[in-house]
C-alpha atoms as a PDB file:
ATOM      1  CA  MET A   1     -16.632  35.050 -44.453  1.00  0.00           C
ATOM      2  CA  ALA A   2     -17.264  35.837 -40.773  1.00  0.00           C
ATOM      3  CA  GLY A   3     -17.144  39.457 -39.688  1.00  0.00           C
ATOM      4  CA  ALA A   4     -14.025  40.980 -38.139  1.00  0.00           C
ATOM      5  CA  LYS A   5     -15.711  41.369 -34.723  1.00  0.00           C
ATOM      6  CA  GLU A   6     -16.769  37.713 -34.633  1.00  0.00           C
ATOM      7  CA  ILE A   7     -13.247  36.588 -35.569  1.00  0.00           C
ATOM      8  CA  ARG A   8     -11.724  38.778 -32.821  1.00  0.00           C
ATOM      9  CA  THR A   9     -14.034  37.075 -30.311  1.00  0.00           C
ATOM     10  CA  LYS A  10     -12.912  33.631 -31.526  1.00  0.00           C
ATOM     11  CA  ILE A  11      -9.245  34.621 -31.267  1.00  0.00           C
ATOM     12  CA  ALA A  12      -9.720  35.821 -27.681  1.00  0.00           C
ATOM     13  CA  SER A  13     -11.541  32.587 -26.775  1.00  0.00           C
ATOM     14  CA  VAL A  14      -8.838  30.369 -28.289  1.00  0.00           C
ATOM     15  CA  LYS A  15      -6.082  32.334 -26.539  1.00  0.00           C
ATOM     16  CA  ASN A  16      -7.842  31.854 -23.186  1.00  0.00           C
ATOM     17  CA  THR A  17      -8.062  28.117 -23.850  1.00  0.00           C
ATOM     18  CA  GLN A  18      -4.392  28.111 -24.815  1.00  0.00           C
ATOM     19  CA  LYS A  19      -3.464  29.670 -21.453  1.00  0.00           C
ATOM     20  CA  ILE A  20      -5.434  26.964 -19.624  1.00  0.00           C
ATOM     21  CA  THR A  21      -3.890  24.061 -21.560  1.00  0.00           C
ATOM     22  CA  GLY A  22      -0.413  25.562 -21.127  1.00  0.00           C
ATOM     23  CA  ALA A  23      -0.920  25.786 -17.372  1.00  0.00           C
ATOM     24  CA  MET A  24      -2.246  22.217 -17.247  1.00  0.00           C
ATOM     25  CA  GLN A  25       0.820  21.044 -19.164  1.00  0.00           C
ATOM     26  CA  MET A  26       3.170  22.567 -16.572  1.00  0.00           C
ATOM     27  CA  VAL A  27       1.137  21.174 -13.651  1.00  0.00           C
ATOM     28  CA  ALA A  28       1.146  17.684 -15.216  1.00  0.00           C
ATOM     29  CA  ALA A  29       4.939  17.865 -15.704  1.00  0.00           C
ATOM     30  CA  SER A  30       5.437  18.709 -12.036  1.00  0.00           C
ATOM     31  CA  LYS A  31       3.085  15.949 -10.855  1.00  0.00           C
ATOM     32  CA  MET A  32       4.735  13.439 -13.185  1.00  0.00           C
ATOM     33  CA  ARG A  33       8.134  14.018 -11.566  1.00  0.00           C
ATOM     34  CA  ARG A  34       6.675  13.442  -8.107  1.00  0.00           C
ATOM     35  CA  ALA A  35       4.867  10.302  -9.280  1.00  0.00           C
ATOM     36  CA  GLN A  36       8.093   8.974 -10.815  1.00  0.00           C
ATOM     37  CA  ASP A  37       9.914   9.494  -7.507  1.00  0.00           C
ATOM     38  CA  LYS A  38       7.256   7.530  -5.591  1.00  0.00           C
ATOM     39  CA  MET A  39       7.289   4.779  -8.195  1.00  0.00           C
ATOM     40  CA  SER A  40      11.074   4.445  -7.971  1.00  0.00           C
ATOM     41  CA  GLN A  41      10.999   4.398  -4.160  1.00  0.00           C
ATOM     42  CA  SER A  42       8.519   1.503  -4.045  1.00  0.00           C
ATOM     43  CA  ARG A  43      10.589  -0.830  -6.245  1.00  0.00           C
ATOM     44  CA  PRO A  44      13.308  -1.815  -3.712  1.00  0.00           C
ATOM     45  CA  TYR A  45      10.656  -2.702  -1.118  1.00  0.00           C
ATOM     46  CA  SER A  46       8.809  -4.927  -3.581  1.00  0.00           C
ATOM     47  CA  LYS A  47      12.034  -6.643  -4.642  1.00  0.00           C
ATOM     48  CA  SER A  48      13.186  -7.328  -1.054  1.00  0.00           C
ATOM     49  CA  LEU A  49       9.757  -8.600  -0.043  1.00  0.00           C
ATOM     50  CA  TYR A  50       9.704 -11.004  -2.982  1.00  0.00           C
ATOM     51  CA  GLU A  51      13.170 -12.327  -2.077  1.00  0.00           C
ATOM     52  CA  ILE A  52      12.174 -12.958   1.542  1.00  0.00           C
ATOM     53  CA  ILE A  53       9.038 -14.801   0.434  1.00  0.00           C
ATOM     54  CA  GLY A  54      11.145 -16.941  -1.886  1.00  0.00           C
ATOM     55  CA  HIS A  55      13.632 -17.814   0.868  1.00  0.00           C
ATOM     56  CA  ILE A  56      10.941 -18.806   3.357  1.00  0.00           C
ATOM     57  CA  ALA A  57       9.007 -20.828   0.788  1.00  0.00           C
ATOM     58  CA  ALA A  58      12.170 -22.604  -0.417  1.00  0.00           C
ATOM     59  CA  SER A  59      13.297 -23.505   3.106  1.00  0.00           C
ATOM     60  CA  HIS A  60       9.885 -25.071   3.865  1.00  0.00           C
ATOM     61  CA  SER A  61       9.109 -26.925   0.655  1.00  0.00           C
ATOM     62  CA  GLU A  62       6.617 -29.173   2.451  1.00  0.00           C
ATOM     63  CA  PHE A  63       4.271 -26.205   2.943  1.00  0.00           C
ATOM     64  CA  HIS A  64       2.429 -24.829  -0.097  1.00  0.00           C
ATOM     65  CA  HIS A  65       0.468 -21.641   0.496  1.00  0.00           C
ATOM     66  CA  PRO A  66      -2.802 -21.454  -1.518  1.00  0.00           C
ATOM     67  CA  TYR A  67      -1.480 -18.332  -3.278  1.00  0.00           C
ATOM     68  CA  MET A  68       1.226 -20.473  -4.867  1.00  0.00           C
ATOM     69  CA  VAL A  69      -0.889 -23.442  -5.948  1.00  0.00           C
ATOM     70  CA  GLU A  70      -1.865 -23.821  -9.608  1.00  0.00           C
ATOM     71  CA  ARG A  71      -5.282 -25.285 -10.389  1.00  0.00           C
ATOM     72  CA  GLU A  72      -7.656 -25.714 -13.301  1.00  0.00           C
ATOM     73  CA  VAL A  73      -8.855 -22.319 -14.479  1.00  0.00           C
ATOM     74  CA  LYS A  74     -12.626 -21.938 -14.569  1.00  0.00           C
ATOM     75  CA  LYS A  75     -12.948 -18.277 -13.592  1.00  0.00           C
ATOM     76  CA  VAL A  76     -10.501 -15.363 -13.759  1.00  0.00           C
ATOM     77  CA  ALA A  77     -10.520 -12.049 -11.899  1.00  0.00           C
ATOM     78  CA  PHE A  78      -9.005  -8.829 -13.214  1.00  0.00           C
ATOM     79  CA  ILE A  79      -7.817  -5.949 -11.035  1.00  0.00           C
ATOM     80  CA  ILE A  80      -8.021  -3.003 -13.446  1.00  0.00           C
ATOM     81  CA  VAL A  81      -6.225   0.238 -12.586  1.00  0.00           C
ATOM     82  CA  SER A  82      -7.317   3.427 -14.365  1.00  0.00           C
ATOM     83  CA  THR A  83      -7.244   7.186 -13.845  1.00  0.00           C
ATOM     84  CA  ASP A  84      -9.824   9.217 -11.963  1.00  0.00           C
ATOM     85  CA  ARG A  85      -9.723  12.110 -14.439  1.00  0.00           C
ATOM     86  CA  GLY A  86      -9.660  12.466 -18.207  1.00  0.00           C
ATOM     87  CA  LEU A  87      -7.707  14.784 -20.532  1.00  0.00           C
ATOM     88  CA  CYS A  88      -4.898  12.228 -20.847  1.00  0.00           C
ATOM     89  CA  GLY A  89      -5.296  11.156 -24.457  1.00  0.00           C
ATOM     90  CA  GLY A  90      -6.032   7.501 -25.181  1.00  0.00           C
ATOM     91  CA  LEU A  91      -4.351   6.205 -22.004  1.00  0.00           C
ATOM     92  CA  ASN A  92      -7.436   4.595 -20.477  1.00  0.00           C
ATOM     93  CA  ILE A  93      -9.135   3.380 -23.632  1.00  0.00           C
ATOM     94  CA  ASN A  94      -5.964   1.653 -24.872  1.00  0.00           C
ATOM     95  CA  LEU A  95      -5.778  -0.291 -21.595  1.00  0.00           C
ATOM     96  CA  PHE A  96      -9.491  -1.121 -21.656  1.00  0.00           C
ATOM     97  CA  ARG A  97      -9.237  -2.475 -25.204  1.00  0.00           C
ATOM     98  CA  ARG A  98      -6.335  -4.692 -24.168  1.00  0.00           C
ATOM     99  CA  VAL A  99      -8.307  -6.013 -21.187  1.00  0.00           C
ATOM    100  CA  LEU A 100     -11.429  -6.640 -23.274  1.00  0.00           C
ATOM    101  CA  ALA A 101      -9.346  -8.539 -25.840  1.00  0.00           C
ATOM    102  CA  LYS A 102      -7.918 -10.737 -23.066  1.00  0.00           C
ATOM    103  CA  MET A 103     -11.399 -11.303 -21.653  1.00  0.00           C
ATOM    104  CA  GLN A 104     -12.680 -12.340 -25.072  1.00  0.00           C
ATOM    105  CA  GLU A 105      -9.839 -14.864 -25.406  1.00  0.00           C
ATOM    106  CA  LEU A 106     -10.776 -16.370 -22.048  1.00  0.00           C
ATOM    107  CA  ASP A 107     -14.458 -16.416 -22.967  1.00  0.00           C
ATOM    108  CA  LYS A 108     -13.670 -18.414 -26.117  1.00  0.00           C
ATOM    109  CA  ASP A 109     -11.973 -20.993 -23.878  1.00  0.00           C
ATOM    110  CA  GLY A 110     -15.070 -21.192 -21.675  1.00  0.00           C
ATOM    111  CA  VAL A 111     -13.491 -19.270 -18.783  1.00  0.00           C
ATOM    112  CA  LYS A 112     -15.691 -16.834 -16.848  1.00  0.00           C
ATOM    113  CA  VAL A 113     -14.352 -13.396 -15.887  1.00  0.00           C
ATOM    114  CA  CYS A 114     -14.988 -10.761 -13.234  1.00  0.00           C
ATOM    115  CA  ALA A 115     -13.285  -7.482 -12.364  1.00  0.00           C
ATOM    116  CA  ALA A 116     -12.262  -5.289  -9.432  1.00  0.00           C
ATOM    117  CA  LEU A 117     -11.996  -1.683 -10.623  1.00  0.00           C
ATOM    118  CA  LEU A 118      -9.569   0.883  -9.235  1.00  0.00           C
ATOM    119  CA  GLY A 119     -10.168   4.353 -10.657  1.00  0.00           C
ATOM    120  CA  SER A 120     -13.284   6.262 -11.684  1.00  0.00           C
ATOM    121  CA  LYS A 121     -12.723   5.825 -15.423  1.00  0.00           C
ATOM    122  CA  ALA A 122     -12.582   2.031 -15.144  1.00  0.00           C
ATOM    123  CA  GLY A 123     -15.730   2.124 -13.033  1.00  0.00           C
ATOM    124  CA  SER A 124     -17.724   4.180 -15.547  1.00  0.00           C
ATOM    125  CA  PHE A 125     -16.498   2.073 -18.508  1.00  0.00           C
ATOM    126  CA  PHE A 126     -16.850  -1.490 -17.206  1.00  0.00           C
ATOM    127  CA  MET A 127     -20.091  -0.881 -15.328  1.00  0.00           C
ATOM    128  CA  ARG A 128     -21.685  -0.342 -18.743  1.00  0.00           C
ATOM    129  CA  SER A 129     -19.917  -3.234 -20.490  1.00  0.00           C
ATOM    130  CA  GLY A 130     -21.801  -6.063 -18.781  1.00  0.00           C
ATOM    131  CA  ILE A 131     -18.705  -7.391 -16.968  1.00  0.00           C
ATOM    132  CA  ASP A 132     -19.271  -8.934 -13.533  1.00  0.00           C
ATOM    133  CA  VAL A 133     -17.894  -6.212 -11.219  1.00  0.00           C
ATOM    134  CA  ILE A 134     -16.979  -7.545  -7.769  1.00  0.00           C
ATOM    135  CA  ALA A 135     -15.447  -4.347  -6.337  1.00  0.00           C
ATOM    136  CA  SER A 136     -15.005  -0.727  -7.393  1.00  0.00           C
ATOM    137  CA  HIS A 137     -13.125   2.130  -5.817  1.00  0.00           C
ATOM    138  CA  GLY A 138     -11.935   5.501  -7.100  1.00  0.00           C
ATOM    139  CA  GLY A 139     -10.928   8.953  -5.996  1.00  0.00           C
ATOM    140  CA  PHE A 140      -7.295   8.157  -5.091  1.00  0.00           C
ATOM    141  CA  GLY A 141      -6.056  11.618  -6.078  1.00  0.00           C
ATOM    142  CA  ASP A 142      -2.433  12.482  -6.761  1.00  0.00           C
ATOM    143  CA  ASP A 143      -1.125  10.803  -3.603  1.00  0.00           C
ATOM    144  CA  PRO A 144      -2.650   7.308  -3.358  1.00  0.00           C
ATOM    145  CA  LYS A 145      -2.160   5.430  -0.099  1.00  0.00           C
ATOM    146  CA  PRO A 146      -1.769   1.626   0.174  1.00  0.00           C
ATOM    147  CA  GLU A 147      -4.491   1.390   2.818  1.00  0.00           C
ATOM    148  CA  THR A 148      -7.096   2.753   0.395  1.00  0.00           C
ATOM    149  CA  LEU A 149      -6.551  -0.275  -1.856  1.00  0.00           C
ATOM    150  CA  VAL A 150      -6.856  -2.988   0.778  1.00  0.00           C
ATOM    151  CA  GLY A 151     -10.646  -3.379   0.567  1.00  0.00           C
ATOM    152  CA  ALA A 152     -10.816  -4.082  -3.172  1.00  0.00           C
ATOM    153  CA  ILE A 153      -7.738  -6.324  -3.041  1.00  0.00           C
ATOM    154  CA  LYS A 154      -9.158  -8.367  -0.152  1.00  0.00           C
ATOM    155  CA  VAL A 155     -12.343  -9.053  -2.098  1.00  0.00           C
ATOM    156  CA  VAL A 156     -10.256 -10.627  -4.868  1.00  0.00           C
ATOM    157  CA  THR A 157      -7.844 -12.552  -2.630  1.00  0.00           C
ATOM    158  CA  ASP A 158     -10.720 -13.929  -0.535  1.00  0.00           C
ATOM    159  CA  MET A 159     -12.385 -15.197  -3.698  1.00  0.00           C
ATOM    160  CA  PHE A 160      -9.108 -16.842  -4.731  1.00  0.00           C
ATOM    161  CA  LEU A 161      -8.704 -18.539  -1.341  1.00  0.00           C
ATOM    162  CA  LYS A 162     -12.306 -19.778  -1.500  1.00  0.00           C
ATOM    163  CA  LYS A 163     -11.593 -21.117  -5.029  1.00  0.00           C
ATOM    164  CA  GLU A 164     -14.296 -18.879  -6.496  1.00  0.00           C
ATOM    165  CA  VAL A 165     -11.658 -17.612  -8.938  1.00  0.00           C
ATOM    166  CA  ASP A 166      -8.643 -19.594 -10.092  1.00  0.00           C
ATOM    167  CA  LYS A 167      -6.376 -16.889 -11.503  1.00  0.00           C
ATOM    168  CA  VAL A 168      -5.959 -13.137 -10.987  1.00  0.00           C
ATOM    169  CA  TYR A 169      -4.579 -10.617 -13.465  1.00  0.00           C
ATOM    170  CA  LEU A 170      -3.472  -7.049 -12.740  1.00  0.00           C
ATOM    171  CA  ALA A 171      -4.048  -4.548 -15.579  1.00  0.00           C
ATOM    172  CA  PHE A 172      -2.467  -1.088 -15.577  1.00  0.00           C
ATOM    173  CA  ASN A 173      -0.505   1.359 -17.713  1.00  0.00           C
ATOM    174  CA  GLY A 174       3.210   0.710 -17.293  1.00  0.00           C
ATOM    175  CA  PHE A 175       5.404   3.812 -17.350  1.00  0.00           C
ATOM    176  CA  LYS A 176       8.337   3.498 -19.775  1.00  0.00           C
ATOM    177  CA  ASN A 177       9.123   7.152 -20.393  1.00  0.00           C
ATOM    178  CA  THR A 178       7.382  10.468 -20.933  1.00  0.00           C
ATOM    179  CA  MET A 179       6.262   9.561 -24.441  1.00  0.00           C
ATOM    180  CA  VAL A 180       5.562   5.834 -24.001  1.00  0.00           C
ATOM    181  CA  GLN A 181       3.048   4.211 -21.638  1.00  0.00           C
ATOM    182  CA  ILE A 182       2.436   0.495 -22.131  1.00  0.00           C
ATOM    183  CA  PRO A 183      -0.932  -1.199 -21.400  1.00  0.00           C
ATOM    184  CA  THR A 184       0.172  -4.110 -19.198  1.00  0.00           C
ATOM    185  CA  ILE A 185      -1.556  -7.259 -17.939  1.00  0.00           C
ATOM    186  CA  ASN A 186       0.378  -9.330 -15.389  1.00  0.00           C
ATOM    187  CA  GLN A 187      -0.665 -12.488 -13.565  1.00  0.00           C
ATOM    188  CA  ILE A 188      -0.408 -11.981  -9.799  1.00  0.00           C
ATOM    189  CA  LEU A 189      -2.191 -15.114  -8.533  1.00  0.00           C
ATOM    190  CA  PRO A 190      -1.120 -17.827  -8.285  1.00  0.00           C
ATOM    191  CA  LEU A 191       2.293 -16.342  -7.574  1.00  0.00           C
ATOM    192  CA  ALA A 192       5.211 -17.440  -9.692  1.00  0.00           C
ATOM    193  CA  LYS A 193       7.761 -19.455  -7.713  1.00  0.00           C
ATOM    194  CA  THR A 194      11.128 -17.895  -6.981  1.00  0.00           C
ATOM    195  CA  LYS A 195      13.864 -19.405  -9.121  1.00  0.00           C
ATOM    196  CA  ASP A 196      16.057 -21.845  -7.220  1.00  0.00           C
ATOM    197  CA  GLU A 197      19.246 -20.138  -8.418  1.00  0.00           C
ATOM    198  CA  ASP A 198      18.045 -16.799  -7.011  1.00  0.00           C
ATOM    199  CA  VAL A 199      17.493 -18.374  -3.614  1.00  0.00           C
ATOM    200  CA  ALA A 200      20.830 -20.167  -3.718  1.00  0.00           C
ATOM    201  CA  LYS A 201      22.747 -16.942  -4.282  1.00  0.00           C
ATOM    202  CA  HIS A 202      21.495 -15.399  -1.051  1.00  0.00           C
ATOM    203  CA  HIS A 203      20.471 -18.067   1.415  1.00  0.00           C
ATOM    204  CA  TRP A 204      19.666 -17.031   4.971  1.00  0.00           C
ATOM    205  CA  ASP A 205      18.409 -18.907   8.004  1.00  0.00           C
ATOM    206  CA  TYR A 206      15.537 -17.277   9.873  1.00  0.00           C
ATOM    207  CA  LEU A 207      14.263 -17.562  13.416  1.00  0.00           C
ATOM    208  CA  TYR A 208      10.481 -17.683  13.187  1.00  0.00           C
ATOM    209  CA  GLU A 209       7.949 -16.290  15.610  1.00  0.00           C
ATOM    210  CA  PRO A 210       5.178 -17.482  15.572  1.00  0.00           C
ATOM    211  CA  ASP A 211       5.739 -20.001  12.709  1.00  0.00           C
ATOM    212  CA  PRO A 212       6.837 -19.981   9.040  1.00  0.00           C
ATOM    213  CA  GLU A 213       3.381 -20.726   7.625  1.00  0.00           C
ATOM    214  CA  GLU A 214       1.718 -17.788   9.381  1.00  0.00           C
ATOM    215  CA  ILE A 215       4.571 -15.416   8.529  1.00  0.00           C
ATOM    216  CA  LEU A 216       4.495 -16.490   4.883  1.00  0.00           C
ATOM    217  CA  GLY A 217       0.749 -15.862   4.737  1.00  0.00           C
ATOM    218  CA  VAL A 218       1.162 -12.318   6.091  1.00  0.00           C
ATOM    219  CA  LEU A 219       4.058 -11.601   3.732  1.00  0.00           C
ATOM    220  CA  LEU A 220       2.161 -12.882   0.721  1.00  0.00           C
ATOM    221  CA  ASP A 221      -0.826 -10.663   1.533  1.00  0.00           C
ATOM    222  CA  ARG A 222       1.532  -7.729   1.944  1.00  0.00           C
ATOM    223  CA  TYR A 223       3.255  -8.552  -1.338  1.00  0.00           C
ATOM    224  CA  ILE A 224      -0.021  -8.700  -3.293  1.00  0.00           C
ATOM    225  CA  GLN A 225      -0.983  -5.317  -1.841  1.00  0.00           C
ATOM    226  CA  GLN A 226       2.417  -3.902  -2.746  1.00  0.00           C
ATOM    227  CA  MET A 227       2.151  -5.186  -6.322  1.00  0.00           C
ATOM    228  CA  VAL A 228      -1.198  -3.444  -6.767  1.00  0.00           C
ATOM    229  CA  TYR A 229       0.052  -0.269  -5.051  1.00  0.00           C
ATOM    230  CA  HIS A 230       3.086  -0.146  -7.338  1.00  0.00           C
ATOM    231  CA  ALA A 231       0.800  -0.598 -10.358  1.00  0.00           C
ATOM    232  CA  VAL A 232      -1.291   2.355  -9.141  1.00  0.00           C
ATOM    233  CA  LEU A 233       1.873   4.470  -8.867  1.00  0.00           C
ATOM    234  CA  GLU A 234       3.006   3.458 -12.364  1.00  0.00           C
ATOM    235  CA  ASN A 235      -0.450   4.266 -13.698  1.00  0.00           C
ATOM    236  CA  LEU A 236      -0.340   7.664 -11.971  1.00  0.00           C
ATOM    237  CA  ALA A 237       3.026   8.495 -13.560  1.00  0.00           C
ATOM    238  CA  SER A 238       1.641   7.346 -16.925  1.00  0.00           C
ATOM    239  CA  GLU A 239      -1.447   9.509 -16.444  1.00  0.00           C
ATOM    240  CA  GLN A 240       0.556  12.668 -15.773  1.00  0.00           C
ATOM    241  CA  ALA A 241       2.915  11.975 -18.696  1.00  0.00           C
ATOM    242  CA  ALA A 242      -0.003  11.366 -21.064  1.00  0.00           C
ATOM    243  CA  ARG A 243      -1.792  14.499 -19.808  1.00  0.00           C
ATOM    244  CA  MET A 244       1.356  16.591 -20.254  1.00  0.00           C
ATOM    245  CA  VAL A 245       1.726  15.390 -23.860  1.00  0.00           C
ATOM    246  CA  ALA A 246      -2.001  15.883 -24.571  1.00  0.00           C
ATOM    247  CA  MET A 247      -1.987  19.410 -23.151  1.00  0.00           C
ATOM    248  CA  LYS A 248       1.138  20.311 -25.136  1.00  0.00           C
ATOM    249  CA  ALA A 249      -0.575  19.113 -28.311  1.00  0.00           C
ATOM    250  CA  ALA A 250      -3.671  21.132 -27.397  1.00  0.00           C
ATOM    251  CA  THR A 251      -1.549  24.244 -26.742  1.00  0.00           C
ATOM    252  CA  ASP A 252       0.273  23.854 -30.073  1.00  0.00           C
ATOM    253  CA  ASN A 253      -3.034  23.340 -31.891  1.00  0.00           C
ATOM    254  CA  ALA A 254      -4.429  26.475 -30.264  1.00  0.00           C
ATOM    255  CA  GLU A 255      -1.388  28.439 -31.457  1.00  0.00           C
ATOM    256  CA  SER A 256      -1.928  27.175 -35.003  1.00  0.00           C
ATOM    257  CA  LEU A 257      -5.633  28.007 -34.830  1.00  0.00           C
ATOM    258  CA  VAL A 258      -4.902  31.553 -33.623  1.00  0.00           C
ATOM    259  CA  SER A 259      -2.556  32.038 -36.597  1.00  0.00           C
ATOM    260  CA  ASP A 260      -5.268  30.860 -39.013  1.00  0.00           C
ATOM    261  CA  LEU A 261      -7.884  33.081 -37.377  1.00  0.00           C
ATOM    262  CA  GLN A 262      -5.523  36.057 -37.439  1.00  0.00           C
ATOM    263  CA  LEU A 263      -5.040  35.575 -41.181  1.00  0.00           C
ATOM    264  CA  GLU A 264      -8.802  35.302 -41.658  1.00  0.00           C
ATOM    265  CA  TYR A 265      -9.278  38.450 -39.559  1.00  0.00           C
ATOM    266  CA  ASN A 266      -6.769  40.367 -41.687  1.00  0.00           C
ATOM    267  CA  LYS A 267      -8.600  39.324 -44.852  1.00  0.00           C
ATOM    268  CA  ALA A 268     -11.960  40.341 -43.376  1.00  0.00           C
ATOM    269  CA  ARG A 269     -10.537  43.672 -42.238  1.00  0.00           C
ATOM    270  CA  GLN A 270      -8.983  44.273 -45.662  1.00  0.00           C
ATOM    271  CA  ALA A 271     -12.289  43.497 -47.388  1.00  0.00           C
ATOM    272  CA  SER A 272     -14.071  45.906 -45.046  1.00  0.00           C
ATOM    273  CA  ILE A 273     -11.587  48.708 -45.775  1.00  0.00           C
ATOM    274  CA  THR A 274     -11.837  48.062 -49.525  1.00  0.00           C
ATOM    275  CA  LEU A 275     -15.635  48.256 -49.308  1.00  0.00           C
ATOM    276  CA  GLU A 276     -15.456  51.547 -47.421  1.00  0.00           C
ATOM    277  CA  LEU A 277     -13.051  53.016 -50.017  1.00  0.00           C
ATOM    278  CA  ASN A 278     -15.380  51.926 -52.811  1.00  0.00           C
ATOM    279  CA  ASP A 279     -18.250  53.717 -51.087  1.00  0.00           C
ATOM    280  CA  ILE A 280     -16.175  56.880 -50.732  1.00  0.00           C
ATOM    281  CA  VAL A 281     -15.049  56.826 -54.368  1.00  0.00           C
ATOM    282  CA  SER A 282     -18.600  56.115 -55.583  1.00  0.00           C
ATOM    283  CA  GLY A 283     -19.919  59.025 -53.497  1.00  0.00           C
ATOM    284  CA  ALA A 284     -17.263  61.395 -54.808  1.00  0.00           C
ATOM    285  CA  SER A 285     -17.979  60.346 -58.397  1.00  0.00           C
ATOM    286  CA  ALA A 286     -21.699  60.972 -57.912  1.00  0.00           C
ATOM    287  CA  VAL A 287     -20.994  64.561 -56.802  1.00  0.00           C
END
């Protein structure tokens, strides 16, 4: 059994760690609420933008933007959104496993894959996995801006327009609630067509300047960027929720460990006192 002094040192160390994890839990809870607010605020913009694109595309059915054209799939690109920091449980690895499983399915069908990586953890993981990485960017922090994503997104969209890739998937952790984050893979290119009944419900006539084709192209680029930005916000909310839960578990485990160490310390102290009493009694008997 370890000595009483050594156990006291362990207890002090665990209590210091417990203070750190408790503070990180509270910080993560605060950041999660802010991330949820940003995520909620971006949804109406995405929805309205999608509706406008659908109206313009439906009113000019003779024009088919390349983003909306299906073709034979020979190569697929993934935009993979991850965190920049760790200490958030299995959030990243669960997403990476889902992506790798999807890539393996495509590989069995003879489809090549490549990836654009958003987030330091995705960069460090997929750089070592042998995947063809076409773009990588990290360091978004707790307040990501849409303009920081444009470079990596443009690499992918340019490849799609040049027919170097035929389909694009967006992979991220979808935020359901504080306890549940869902690894999600959504197809973003080619874009799904707006349902005719949705357009018919709200049909508007537009005056175009310069022309519908150019406006649609700009809107589609903006919509792709918004989809990726919203995924980054969802991933950020998921990260903070997962970190809050992980830090709470760490704090609770530290509390349990302190209790066990305290019991061990009491036993060691009791054994020490018993030994001292035995020495005193033995000395008195000898006299």
